[in-house]
Amino acid sequence: MVFLFGLQDSGINCLINCLMGFEFESKTTPFAVYKFVQSLFIFSFFMVNSAVINPDFDLDKQINVLTLYVAACGAFSFVSLAMMLCFSYKEQEKQEIRSVRQEKRKELIEEFNMK
């Protein structure tokens, strides 16, 4: 279960970082806002999680509350990912992409030759 969570988390982080890197002109502001909002949500989820895990509950009630918590987190995740389908993304022309790739290759070759 933990492996699958880590796999899902890394995949979502890669997707979000790629979207922020290509969609915005500024290269620092989107990442700063993302990390700020992510920290706020982590704080809020830890607060909710500490309220959900209550040692006074019997085992059946604890399982029901945790199931509801996991279902709510999953529903929030699916809604958040589905919202990404509503946005219009920037399109790059193929020629522009090729020229950027060629420039990066030249830079890498020059760096390698300098060493």
C-alpha atoms as a PDB file:
ATOM      1  CA  MET A   1       0.000   0.000   0.000  1.00  0.00           C
ATOM      2  CA  VAL A   2       2.785   2.423   0.889  1.00  0.00           C
ATOM      3  CA  PHE A   3       4.612   1.587  -2.347  1.00  0.00           C
ATOM      4  CA  LEU A   4       1.495   2.383  -4.390  1.00  0.00           C
ATOM      5  CA  PHE A   5       1.012   5.654  -2.514  1.00  0.00           C
ATOM      6  CA  GLY A   6       4.629   6.616  -3.212  1.00  0.00           C
ATOM      7  CA  LEU A   7       4.255   5.695  -6.873  1.00  0.00           C
ATOM      8  CA  GLN A   8       1.062   7.752  -7.177  1.00  0.00           C
ATOM      9  CA  ASP A   9       2.595  10.686  -5.302  1.00  0.00           C
ATOM     10  CA  SER A  10       5.718  10.774  -7.466  1.00  0.00           C
ATOM     11  CA  GLY A  11       3.659  10.536 -10.651  1.00  0.00           C
ATOM     12  CA  ILE A  12       1.390  13.412  -9.632  1.00  0.00           C
ATOM     13  CA  ASN A  13       4.383  15.534  -8.572  1.00  0.00           C
ATOM     14  CA  CYS A  14       6.115  14.936 -11.927  1.00  0.00           C
ATOM     15  CA  LEU A  15       2.937  15.856 -13.806  1.00  0.00           C
ATOM     16  CA  ILE A  16       2.361  19.025 -11.784  1.00  0.00           C
ATOM     17  CA  ASN A  17       6.002  20.112 -12.073  1.00  0.00           C
ATOM     18  CA  CYS A  18       5.932  19.592 -15.851  1.00  0.00           C
ATOM     19  CA  LEU A  19       2.711  21.570 -16.174  1.00  0.00           C
ATOM     20  CA  MET A  20       4.058  24.434 -14.098  1.00  0.00           C
ATOM     21  CA  GLY A  21       7.354  24.467 -15.975  1.00  0.00           C
ATOM     22  CA  PHE A  22       5.787  24.689 -19.420  1.00  0.00           C
ATOM     23  CA  GLU A  23       2.575  26.644 -18.799  1.00  0.00           C
ATOM     24  CA  PHE A  24       3.861  29.729 -17.014  1.00  0.00           C
ATOM     25  CA  GLU A  25       6.265  32.392 -18.198  1.00  0.00           C
ATOM     26  CA  SER A  26       7.744  32.862 -14.728  1.00  0.00           C
ATOM     27  CA  LYS A  27       9.863  29.936 -13.627  1.00  0.00           C
ATOM     28  CA  THR A  28       9.786  30.609  -9.873  1.00  0.00           C
ATOM     29  CA  THR A  29       6.378  32.009  -8.940  1.00  0.00           C
ATOM     30  CA  PRO A  30       4.267  28.941  -9.840  1.00  0.00           C
ATOM     31  CA  PHE A  31       6.548  26.627  -7.868  1.00  0.00           C
ATOM     32  CA  ALA A  32       6.540  28.938  -4.846  1.00  0.00           C
ATOM     33  CA  VAL A  33       2.743  29.203  -4.846  1.00  0.00           C
ATOM     34  CA  TYR A  34       2.441  25.439  -5.318  1.00  0.00           C
ATOM     35  CA  LYS A  35       4.719  24.672  -2.360  1.00  0.00           C
ATOM     36  CA  PHE A  36       2.874  27.213  -0.190  1.00  0.00           C
ATOM     37  CA  VAL A  37      -0.554  25.746  -1.005  1.00  0.00           C
ATOM     38  CA  GLN A  38       0.795  22.214  -0.636  1.00  0.00           C
ATOM     39  CA  SER A  39       2.111  23.042   2.844  1.00  0.00           C
ATOM     40  CA  LEU A  40      -1.248  24.499   3.881  1.00  0.00           C
ATOM     41  CA  PHE A  41      -3.088  21.395   2.687  1.00  0.00           C
ATOM     42  CA  ILE A  42      -0.616  19.071   4.435  1.00  0.00           C
ATOM     43  CA  PHE A  43      -1.142  21.005   7.666  1.00  0.00           C
ATOM     44  CA  SER A  44      -4.923  20.827   7.322  1.00  0.00           C
ATOM     45  CA  PHE A  45      -4.886  17.104   6.503  1.00  0.00           C
ATOM     46  CA  PHE A  46      -2.673  16.390   9.527  1.00  0.00           C
ATOM     47  CA  MET A  47      -5.100  18.322  11.728  1.00  0.00           C
ATOM     48  CA  VAL A  48      -8.080  16.389  10.332  1.00  0.00           C
ATOM     49  CA  ASN A  49      -6.167  13.122  10.603  1.00  0.00           C
ATOM     50  CA  SER A  50      -5.365  13.741  14.268  1.00  0.00           C
ATOM     51  CA  ALA A  51      -9.052  14.408  14.915  1.00  0.00           C
ATOM     52  CA  VAL A  52     -10.088  11.266  13.029  1.00  0.00           C
ATOM     53  CA  ILE A  53      -7.729   8.930  14.853  1.00  0.00           C
ATOM     54  CA  ASN A  54      -9.230   8.904  18.312  1.00  0.00           C
ATOM     55  CA  PRO A  55      -8.201   6.231  20.825  1.00  0.00           C
ATOM     56  CA  ASP A  56     -11.576   6.530  22.571  1.00  0.00           C
ATOM     57  CA  PHE A  57     -13.401   4.989  19.574  1.00  0.00           C
ATOM     58  CA  ASP A  58     -13.982   1.246  19.482  1.00  0.00           C
ATOM     59  CA  LEU A  59     -12.470  -0.680  16.564  1.00  0.00           C
ATOM     60  CA  ASP A  60     -15.620  -0.768  14.380  1.00  0.00           C
ATOM     61  CA  LYS A  61     -16.206   2.962  14.697  1.00  0.00           C
ATOM     62  CA  GLN A  62     -12.505   3.667  14.065  1.00  0.00           C
ATOM     63  CA  ILE A  63     -12.604   1.598  10.858  1.00  0.00           C
ATOM     64  CA  ASN A  64     -15.746   3.398   9.677  1.00  0.00           C
ATOM     65  CA  VAL A  65     -14.245   6.833  10.335  1.00  0.00           C
ATOM     66  CA  LEU A  66     -10.960   5.953   8.603  1.00  0.00           C
ATOM     67  CA  THR A  67     -12.847   4.499   5.619  1.00  0.00           C
ATOM     68  CA  LEU A  68     -14.828   7.718   5.309  1.00  0.00           C
ATOM     69  CA  TYR A  69     -11.612   9.763   5.596  1.00  0.00           C
ATOM     70  CA  VAL A  70      -9.843   7.768   2.876  1.00  0.00           C
ATOM     71  CA  ALA A  71     -12.910   7.953   0.617  1.00  0.00           C
ATOM     72  CA  ALA A  72     -13.105  11.736   1.067  1.00  0.00           C
ATOM     73  CA  CYS A  73      -9.393  12.125   0.262  1.00  0.00           C
ATOM     74  CA  GLY A  74      -9.793   9.933  -2.835  1.00  0.00           C
ATOM     75  CA  ALA A  75     -12.828  11.885  -4.030  1.00  0.00           C
ATOM     76  CA  PHE A  76     -10.926  15.149  -3.547  1.00  0.00           C
ATOM     77  CA  SER A  77      -8.013  13.740  -5.571  1.00  0.00           C
ATOM     78  CA  PHE A  78     -10.217  12.665  -8.479  1.00  0.00           C
ATOM     79  CA  VAL A  79     -12.040  15.995  -8.546  1.00  0.00           C
ATOM     80  CA  SER A  80      -8.716  17.862  -8.515  1.00  0.00           C
ATOM     81  CA  LEU A  81      -7.347  15.789 -11.388  1.00  0.00           C
ATOM     82  CA  ALA A  82     -10.587  16.105 -13.357  1.00  0.00           C
ATOM     83  CA  MET A  83     -10.405  19.890 -13.030  1.00  0.00           C
ATOM     84  CA  MET A  84      -7.166  19.808 -15.041  1.00  0.00           C
ATOM     85  CA  LEU A  85      -9.173  18.657 -18.066  1.00  0.00           C
ATOM     86  CA  CYS A  86     -11.097  21.961 -18.064  1.00  0.00           C
ATOM     87  CA  PHE A  87      -8.045  24.152 -18.637  1.00  0.00           C
ATOM     88  CA  SER A  88      -6.732  25.136 -22.037  1.00  0.00           C
ATOM     89  CA  TYR A  89      -3.003  24.618 -22.207  1.00  0.00           C
ATOM     90  CA  LYS A  90      -0.413  26.459 -24.267  1.00  0.00           C
ATOM     91  CA  GLU A  91       0.485  24.830 -27.531  1.00  0.00           C
ATOM     92  CA  GLN A  92       4.011  24.912 -28.846  1.00  0.00           C
ATOM     93  CA  GLU A  93       4.815  24.537 -32.470  1.00  0.00           C
ATOM     94  CA  LYS A  94       6.898  21.535 -33.418  1.00  0.00           C
ATOM     95  CA  GLN A  95       9.582  23.734 -34.942  1.00  0.00           C
ATOM     96  CA  GLU A  96       9.940  25.665 -31.692  1.00  0.00           C
ATOM     97  CA  ILE A  97      10.296  22.421 -29.736  1.00  0.00           C
ATOM     98  CA  ARG A  98      12.928  21.127 -32.160  1.00  0.00           C
ATOM     99  CA  SER A  99      14.945  24.344 -31.930  1.00  0.00           C
ATOM    100  CA  VAL A 100      14.898  24.220 -28.123  1.00  0.00           C
ATOM    101  CA  ARG A 101      16.065  20.591 -28.184  1.00  0.00           C
ATOM    102  CA  GLN A 102      18.858  21.427 -30.628  1.00  0.00           C
ATOM    103  CA  GLU A 103      20.038  24.315 -28.451  1.00  0.00           C
ATOM    104  CA  LYS A 104      20.108  22.095 -25.377  1.00  0.00           C
ATOM    105  CA  ARG A 105      22.074  19.435 -27.263  1.00  0.00           C
ATOM    106  CA  LYS A 106      24.614  22.034 -28.360  1.00  0.00           C
ATOM    107  CA  GLU A 107      24.968  23.294 -24.781  1.00  0.00           C
ATOM    108  CA  LEU A 108      25.479  19.756 -23.477  1.00  0.00           C
ATOM    109  CA  ILE A 109      28.095  19.012 -26.152  1.00  0.00           C
ATOM    110  CA  GLU A 110      29.932  22.256 -25.351  1.00  0.00           C
ATOM    111  CA  GLU A 111      29.888  21.462 -21.608  1.00  0.00           C
ATOM    112  CA  PHE A 112      31.171  17.945 -22.284  1.00  0.00           C
ATOM    113  CA  ASN A 113      33.955  19.247 -24.526  1.00  0.00           C
ATOM    114  CA  MET A 114      35.034  21.773 -21.873  1.00  0.00           C
ATOM    115  CA  LYS A 115      35.606  18.983 -19.336  1.00  0.00           C
END
